[in-house]
Amino acid sequence: MEIIVRYSTTRIGINMSEEGPANNVGKDALRLHITECRPSVINRLISADYTLSMTPEGLYVDKTV
């Protein structure tokens, strides 16, 4: 989140599934989907070892272990 909040034009969905907010997802992990952002956000996430993948909800962000 620290990387994303620096860019005011970024739009995100937190704990979203195709049906809407997922009730139990946020208890152990945060599901983050980017629906709109600048390319620099993507570059910074990749540089910080995040894995990005496209889903119907948007660009899914996950931390590489």
PDB file of N, CA and C in Angstrom:
ATOM      1  N   MET A   1       0.821  -1.190   0.000  1.00  0.00           N
ATOM      2  CA  MET A   1       0.000   0.000   0.000  1.00  0.00           C
ATOM      3  C   MET A   1       0.868   1.258   0.000  1.00  0.00           C
ATOM      4  N   GLU A   2       2.019   1.181   0.632  1.00  0.00           N
ATOM      5  CA  GLU A   2       2.891   2.342   0.712  1.00  0.00           C
ATOM      6  C   GLU A   2       3.292   2.843  -0.675  1.00  0.00           C
ATOM      7  N   ILE A   3       3.536   1.939  -1.592  1.00  0.00           N
ATOM      8  CA  ILE A   3       3.909   2.322  -2.957  1.00  0.00           C
ATOM      9  C   ILE A   3       2.719   2.938  -3.673  1.00  0.00           C
ATOM     10  N   ILE A   4       1.566   2.343  -3.529  1.00  0.00           N
ATOM     11  CA  ILE A   4       0.382   2.751  -4.272  1.00  0.00           C
ATOM     12  C   ILE A   4      -0.149   4.107  -3.835  1.00  0.00           C
ATOM     13  N   VAL A   5      -0.144   4.407  -2.544  1.00  0.00           N
ATOM     14  CA  VAL A   5      -0.756   5.644  -2.056  1.00  0.00           C
ATOM     15  C   VAL A   5       0.004   6.895  -2.478  1.00  0.00           C
ATOM     16  N   ARG A   6       1.199   6.751  -2.978  1.00  0.00           N
ATOM     17  CA  ARG A   6       1.960   7.913  -3.451  1.00  0.00           C
ATOM     18  C   ARG A   6       1.369   8.505  -4.724  1.00  0.00           C
ATOM     19  N   TYR A   7       0.548   7.752  -5.409  1.00  0.00           N
ATOM     20  CA  TYR A   7      -0.010   8.170  -6.685  1.00  0.00           C
ATOM     21  C   TYR A   7      -1.520   8.344  -6.534  1.00  0.00           C
ATOM     22  N   SER A   8      -1.988   9.571  -6.553  1.00  0.00           N
ATOM     23  CA  SER A   8      -3.399   9.856  -6.274  1.00  0.00           C
ATOM     24  C   SER A   8      -4.341   9.385  -7.379  1.00  0.00           C
ATOM     25  N   THR A   9      -3.821   9.091  -8.568  1.00  0.00           N
ATOM     26  CA  THR A   9      -4.688   8.653  -9.660  1.00  0.00           C
ATOM     27  C   THR A   9      -4.914   7.145  -9.671  1.00  0.00           C
ATOM     28  N   THR A  10      -4.297   6.413  -8.762  1.00  0.00           N
ATOM     29  CA  THR A  10      -4.431   4.962  -8.719  1.00  0.00           C
ATOM     30  C   THR A  10      -5.777   4.579  -8.112  1.00  0.00           C
ATOM     31  N   ARG A  11      -6.459   3.644  -8.777  1.00  0.00           N
ATOM     32  CA  ARG A  11      -7.722   3.109  -8.257  1.00  0.00           C
ATOM     33  C   ARG A  11      -7.505   1.639  -7.941  1.00  0.00           C
ATOM     34  N   ILE A  12      -7.976   1.225  -6.763  1.00  0.00           N
ATOM     35  CA  ILE A  12      -7.762  -0.149  -6.326  1.00  0.00           C
ATOM     36  C   ILE A  12      -9.052  -0.766  -5.798  1.00  0.00           C
ATOM     37  N   GLY A  13      -9.077  -2.079  -5.794  1.00  0.00           N
ATOM     38  CA  GLY A  13     -10.126  -2.852  -5.137  1.00  0.00           C
ATOM     39  C   GLY A  13      -9.462  -3.717  -4.085  1.00  0.00           C
ATOM     40  N   ILE A  14      -9.969  -3.680  -2.874  1.00  0.00           N
ATOM     41  CA  ILE A  14      -9.386  -4.453  -1.785  1.00  0.00           C
ATOM     42  C   ILE A  14     -10.344  -5.577  -1.415  1.00  0.00           C
ATOM     43  N   ASN A  15      -9.797  -6.800  -1.365  1.00  0.00           N
ATOM     44  CA  ASN A  15     -10.575  -7.993  -1.013  1.00  0.00           C
ATOM     45  C   ASN A  15     -11.801  -8.162  -1.907  1.00  0.00           C
ATOM     46  N   MET A  16     -11.625  -7.939  -3.211  1.00  0.00           N
ATOM     47  CA  MET A  16     -12.736  -8.050  -4.153  1.00  0.00           C
ATOM     48  C   MET A  16     -12.716  -9.406  -4.849  1.00  0.00           C
ATOM     49  N   SER A  17     -13.899  -9.931  -5.086  1.00  0.00           N
ATOM     50  CA  SER A  17     -14.072 -11.117  -5.907  1.00  0.00           C
ATOM     51  C   SER A  17     -15.108 -10.767  -6.962  1.00  0.00           C
ATOM     52  N   GLU A  18     -15.404 -11.667  -7.860  1.00  0.00           N
ATOM     53  CA  GLU A  18     -16.384 -11.381  -8.898  1.00  0.00           C
ATOM     54  C   GLU A  18     -17.745 -11.057  -8.307  1.00  0.00           C
ATOM     55  N   GLU A  19     -18.053 -11.575  -7.133  1.00  0.00           N
ATOM     56  CA  GLU A  19     -19.340 -11.345  -6.487  1.00  0.00           C
ATOM     57  C   GLU A  19     -19.338 -10.093  -5.615  1.00  0.00           C
ATOM     58  N   GLY A  20     -18.201  -9.423  -5.456  1.00  0.00           N
ATOM     59  CA  GLY A  20     -18.088  -8.265  -4.577  1.00  0.00           C
ATOM     60  C   GLY A  20     -17.077  -8.552  -3.487  1.00  0.00           C
ATOM     61  N   PRO A  21     -17.129  -7.834  -2.363  1.00  0.00           N
ATOM     62  CA  PRO A  21     -16.161  -8.064  -1.283  1.00  0.00           C
ATOM     63  C   PRO A  21     -16.217  -9.505  -0.770  1.00  0.00           C
ATOM     64  N   ALA A  22     -15.064 -10.086  -0.602  1.00  0.00           N
ATOM     65  CA  ALA A  22     -14.977 -11.463  -0.090  1.00  0.00           C
ATOM     66  C   ALA A  22     -14.959 -11.413   1.427  1.00  0.00           C
ATOM     67  N   ASN A  23     -15.896 -12.069   2.068  1.00  0.00           N
ATOM     68  CA  ASN A  23     -16.067 -11.954   3.512  1.00  0.00           C
ATOM     69  C   ASN A  23     -14.876 -12.431   4.328  1.00  0.00           C
ATOM     70  N   ASN A  24     -14.246 -13.549   3.962  1.00  0.00           N
ATOM     71  CA  ASN A  24     -13.202 -14.132   4.800  1.00  0.00           C
ATOM     72  C   ASN A  24     -11.787 -13.889   4.292  1.00  0.00           C
ATOM     73  N   VAL A  25     -11.620 -13.219   3.172  1.00  0.00           N
ATOM     74  CA  VAL A  25     -10.294 -13.089   2.568  1.00  0.00           C
ATOM     75  C   VAL A  25      -9.352 -12.265   3.433  1.00  0.00           C
ATOM     76  N   GLY A  26      -9.796 -11.151   3.984  1.00  0.00           N
ATOM     77  CA  GLY A  26      -8.919 -10.223   4.673  1.00  0.00           C
ATOM     78  C   GLY A  26      -8.421 -10.672   6.030  1.00  0.00           C
ATOM     79  N   LYS A  27      -8.863 -11.810   6.535  1.00  0.00           N
ATOM     80  CA  LYS A  27      -8.455 -12.246   7.867  1.00  0.00           C
ATOM     81  C   LYS A  27      -6.984 -12.630   7.925  1.00  0.00           C
ATOM     82  N   ASP A  28      -6.480 -13.336   6.900  1.00  0.00           N
ATOM     83  CA  ASP A  28      -5.090 -13.763   6.888  1.00  0.00           C
ATOM     84  C   ASP A  28      -4.261 -13.050   5.833  1.00  0.00           C
ATOM     85  N   ALA A  29      -4.908 -12.583   4.776  1.00  0.00           N
ATOM     86  CA  ALA A  29      -4.182 -11.950   3.681  1.00  0.00           C
ATOM     87  C   ALA A  29      -5.053 -10.879   3.049  1.00  0.00           C
ATOM     88  N   LEU A  30      -4.416  -9.923   2.431  1.00  0.00           N
ATOM     89  CA  LEU A  30      -5.097  -8.842   1.763  1.00  0.00           C
ATOM     90  C   LEU A  30      -5.053  -9.085   0.262  1.00  0.00           C
ATOM     91  N   ARG A  31      -6.207  -9.128  -0.400  1.00  0.00           N
ATOM     92  CA  ARG A  31      -6.265  -9.253  -1.857  1.00  0.00           C
ATOM     93  C   ARG A  31      -6.384  -7.854  -2.425  1.00  0.00           C
ATOM     94  N   LEU A  32      -5.440  -7.479  -3.263  1.00  0.00           N
ATOM     95  CA  LEU A  32      -5.399  -6.135  -3.815  1.00  0.00           C
ATOM     96  C   LEU A  32      -5.421  -6.202  -5.331  1.00  0.00           C
ATOM     97  N   HIS A  33      -6.377  -5.504  -5.936  1.00  0.00           N
ATOM     98  CA  HIS A  33      -6.473  -5.411  -7.389  1.00  0.00           C
ATOM     99  C   HIS A  33      -6.395  -3.945  -7.794  1.00  0.00           C
ATOM    100  N   ILE A  34      -5.516  -3.634  -8.736  1.00  0.00           N
ATOM    101  CA  ILE A  34      -5.407  -2.285  -9.269  1.00  0.00           C
ATOM    102  C   ILE A  34      -6.270  -2.213 -10.518  1.00  0.00           C
ATOM    103  N   THR A  35      -7.182  -1.244 -10.552  1.00  0.00           N
ATOM    104  CA  THR A  35      -8.049  -1.094 -11.717  1.00  0.00           C
ATOM    105  C   THR A  35      -7.611   0.051 -12.618  1.00  0.00           C
ATOM    106  N   GLU A  36      -6.797   0.963 -12.092  1.00  0.00           N
ATOM    107  CA  GLU A  36      -6.293   2.073 -12.883  1.00  0.00           C
ATOM    108  C   GLU A  36      -5.044   2.625 -12.197  1.00  0.00           C
ATOM    109  N   CYS A  37      -3.960   2.818 -12.981  1.00  0.00           N
ATOM    110  CA  CYS A  37      -2.744   3.381 -12.395  1.00  0.00           C
ATOM    111  C   CYS A  37      -1.793   3.854 -13.489  1.00  0.00           C
ATOM    112  N   ARG A  38      -0.785   4.572 -13.079  1.00  0.00           N
ATOM    113  CA  ARG A  38       0.296   4.992 -13.972  1.00  0.00           C
ATOM    114  C   ARG A  38       1.297   3.852 -14.106  1.00  0.00           C
ATOM    115  N   PRO A  39       2.018   3.799 -15.233  1.00  0.00           N
ATOM    116  CA  PRO A  39       3.033   2.760 -15.406  1.00  0.00           C
ATOM    117  C   PRO A  39       4.100   2.765 -14.305  1.00  0.00           C
ATOM    118  N   SER A  40       4.393   3.930 -13.732  1.00  0.00           N
ATOM    119  CA  SER A  40       5.415   3.991 -12.685  1.00  0.00           C
ATOM    120  C   SER A  40       5.009   3.197 -11.446  1.00  0.00           C
ATOM    121  N   VAL A  41       3.714   3.070 -11.179  1.00  0.00           N
ATOM    122  CA  VAL A  41       3.253   2.252 -10.047  1.00  0.00           C
ATOM    123  C   VAL A  41       3.627   0.796 -10.298  1.00  0.00           C
ATOM    124  N   ILE A  42       3.365   0.322 -11.502  1.00  0.00           N
ATOM    125  CA  ILE A  42       3.693  -1.060 -11.865  1.00  0.00           C
ATOM    126  C   ILE A  42       5.198  -1.291 -11.762  1.00  0.00           C
ATOM    127  N   ASN A  43       5.989  -0.367 -12.272  1.00  0.00           N
ATOM    128  CA  ASN A  43       7.450  -0.512 -12.200  1.00  0.00           C
ATOM    129  C   ASN A  43       7.942  -0.571 -10.766  1.00  0.00           C
ATOM    130  N   ARG A  44       7.387   0.257  -9.896  1.00  0.00           N
ATOM    131  CA  ARG A  44       7.819   0.257  -8.487  1.00  0.00           C
ATOM    132  C   ARG A  44       7.418  -1.026  -7.783  1.00  0.00           C
ATOM    133  N   LEU A  45       6.230  -1.553  -8.085  1.00  0.00           N
ATOM    134  CA  LEU A  45       5.801  -2.811  -7.470  1.00  0.00           C
ATOM    135  C   LEU A  45       6.698  -3.963  -7.912  1.00  0.00           C
ATOM    136  N   ILE A  46       7.035  -4.008  -9.180  1.00  0.00           N
ATOM    137  CA  ILE A  46       7.929  -5.058  -9.679  1.00  0.00           C
ATOM    138  C   ILE A  46       9.305  -4.930  -9.033  1.00  0.00           C
ATOM    139  N   SER A  47       9.813  -3.711  -8.921  1.00  0.00           N
ATOM    140  CA  SER A  47      11.121  -3.489  -8.286  1.00  0.00           C
ATOM    141  C   SER A  47      11.129  -3.904  -6.815  1.00  0.00           C
ATOM    142  N   ALA A  48       9.961  -3.839  -6.179  1.00  0.00           N
ATOM    143  CA  ALA A  48       9.845  -4.216  -4.767  1.00  0.00           C
ATOM    144  C   ALA A  48       9.479  -5.694  -4.603  1.00  0.00           C
ATOM    145  N   ASP A  49       9.653  -6.503  -5.659  1.00  0.00           N
ATOM    146  CA  ASP A  49       9.425  -7.954  -5.637  1.00  0.00           C
ATOM    147  C   ASP A  49       7.972  -8.363  -5.474  1.00  0.00           C
ATOM    148  N   TYR A  50       7.052  -7.562  -6.001  1.00  0.00           N
ATOM    149  CA  TYR A  50       5.647  -7.975  -6.042  1.00  0.00           C
ATOM    150  C   TYR A  50       5.393  -8.692  -7.361  1.00  0.00           C
ATOM    151  N   THR A  51       4.508  -9.669  -7.333  1.00  0.00           N
ATOM    152  CA  THR A  51       4.083 -10.374  -8.529  1.00  0.00           C
ATOM    153  C   THR A  51       2.760  -9.769  -8.973  1.00  0.00           C
ATOM    154  N   LEU A  52       2.642  -9.482 -10.263  1.00  0.00           N
ATOM    155  CA  LEU A  52       1.430  -8.879 -10.804  1.00  0.00           C
ATOM    156  C   LEU A  52       0.827  -9.817 -11.834  1.00  0.00           C
ATOM    157  N   SER A  53      -0.489  -9.960 -11.816  1.00  0.00           N
ATOM    158  CA  SER A  53      -1.151 -10.790 -12.815  1.00  0.00           C
ATOM    159  C   SER A  53      -2.536 -10.211 -13.105  1.00  0.00           C
ATOM    160  N   MET A  54      -2.948 -10.308 -14.371  1.00  0.00           N
ATOM    161  CA  MET A  54      -4.249  -9.785 -14.779  1.00  0.00           C
ATOM    162  C   MET A  54      -5.358 -10.749 -14.400  1.00  0.00           C
ATOM    163  N   THR A  55      -6.428 -10.203 -13.864  1.00  0.00           N
ATOM    164  CA  THR A  55      -7.623 -10.968 -13.511  1.00  0.00           C
ATOM    165  C   THR A  55      -8.831 -10.173 -14.002  1.00  0.00           C
ATOM    166  N   PRO A  56     -10.022 -10.764 -13.995  1.00  0.00           N
ATOM    167  CA  PRO A  56     -11.213 -10.006 -14.381  1.00  0.00           C
ATOM    168  C   PRO A  56     -11.464  -8.779 -13.484  1.00  0.00           C
ATOM    169  N   GLU A  57     -10.980  -8.815 -12.245  1.00  0.00           N
ATOM    170  CA  GLU A  57     -11.171  -7.701 -11.315  1.00  0.00           C
ATOM    171  C   GLU A  57     -10.147  -6.592 -11.509  1.00  0.00           C
ATOM    172  N   GLY A  58      -9.049  -6.860 -12.188  1.00  0.00           N
ATOM    173  CA  GLY A  58      -7.987  -5.884 -12.391  1.00  0.00           C
ATOM    174  C   GLY A  58      -6.632  -6.551 -12.251  1.00  0.00           C
ATOM    175  N   LEU A  59      -5.608  -5.751 -12.052  1.00  0.00           N
ATOM    176  CA  LEU A  59      -4.242  -6.245 -11.903  1.00  0.00           C
ATOM    177  C   LEU A  59      -4.056  -6.714 -10.455  1.00  0.00           C
ATOM    178  N   TYR A  60      -3.901  -8.021 -10.259  1.00  0.00           N
ATOM    179  CA  TYR A  60      -3.756  -8.595  -8.910  1.00  0.00           C
ATOM    180  C   TYR A  60      -2.325  -8.409  -8.443  1.00  0.00           C
ATOM    181  N   VAL A  61      -2.146  -7.934  -7.224  1.00  0.00           N
ATOM    182  CA  VAL A  61      -0.836  -7.682  -6.637  1.00  0.00           C
ATOM    183  C   VAL A  61      -0.596  -8.690  -5.528  1.00  0.00           C
ATOM    184  N   ASP A  62       0.557  -9.366  -5.592  1.00  0.00           N
ATOM    185  CA  ASP A  62       0.896 -10.364  -4.583  1.00  0.00           C
ATOM    186  C   ASP A  62       2.386 -10.247  -4.279  1.00  0.00           C
ATOM    187  N   LYS A  63       2.763 -10.465  -3.053  1.00  0.00           N
ATOM    188  CA  LYS A  63       4.163 -10.385  -2.651  1.00  0.00           C
ATOM    189  C   LYS A  63       4.871 -11.694  -2.962  1.00  0.00           C
ATOM    190  N   THR A  64       5.979 -11.619  -3.671  1.00  0.00           N
ATOM    191  CA  THR A  64       6.794 -12.788  -3.977  1.00  0.00           C
ATOM    192  C   THR A  64       7.474 -13.258  -2.703  1.00  0.00           C
ATOM    193  N   VAL A  65       7.427 -14.558  -2.457  1.00  0.00           N
ATOM    194  CA  VAL A  65       8.009 -15.116  -1.238  1.00  0.00           C
ATOM    195  C   VAL A  65       9.447 -15.509  -1.485  1.00  0.00           C
TER     196      VAL A  65
END
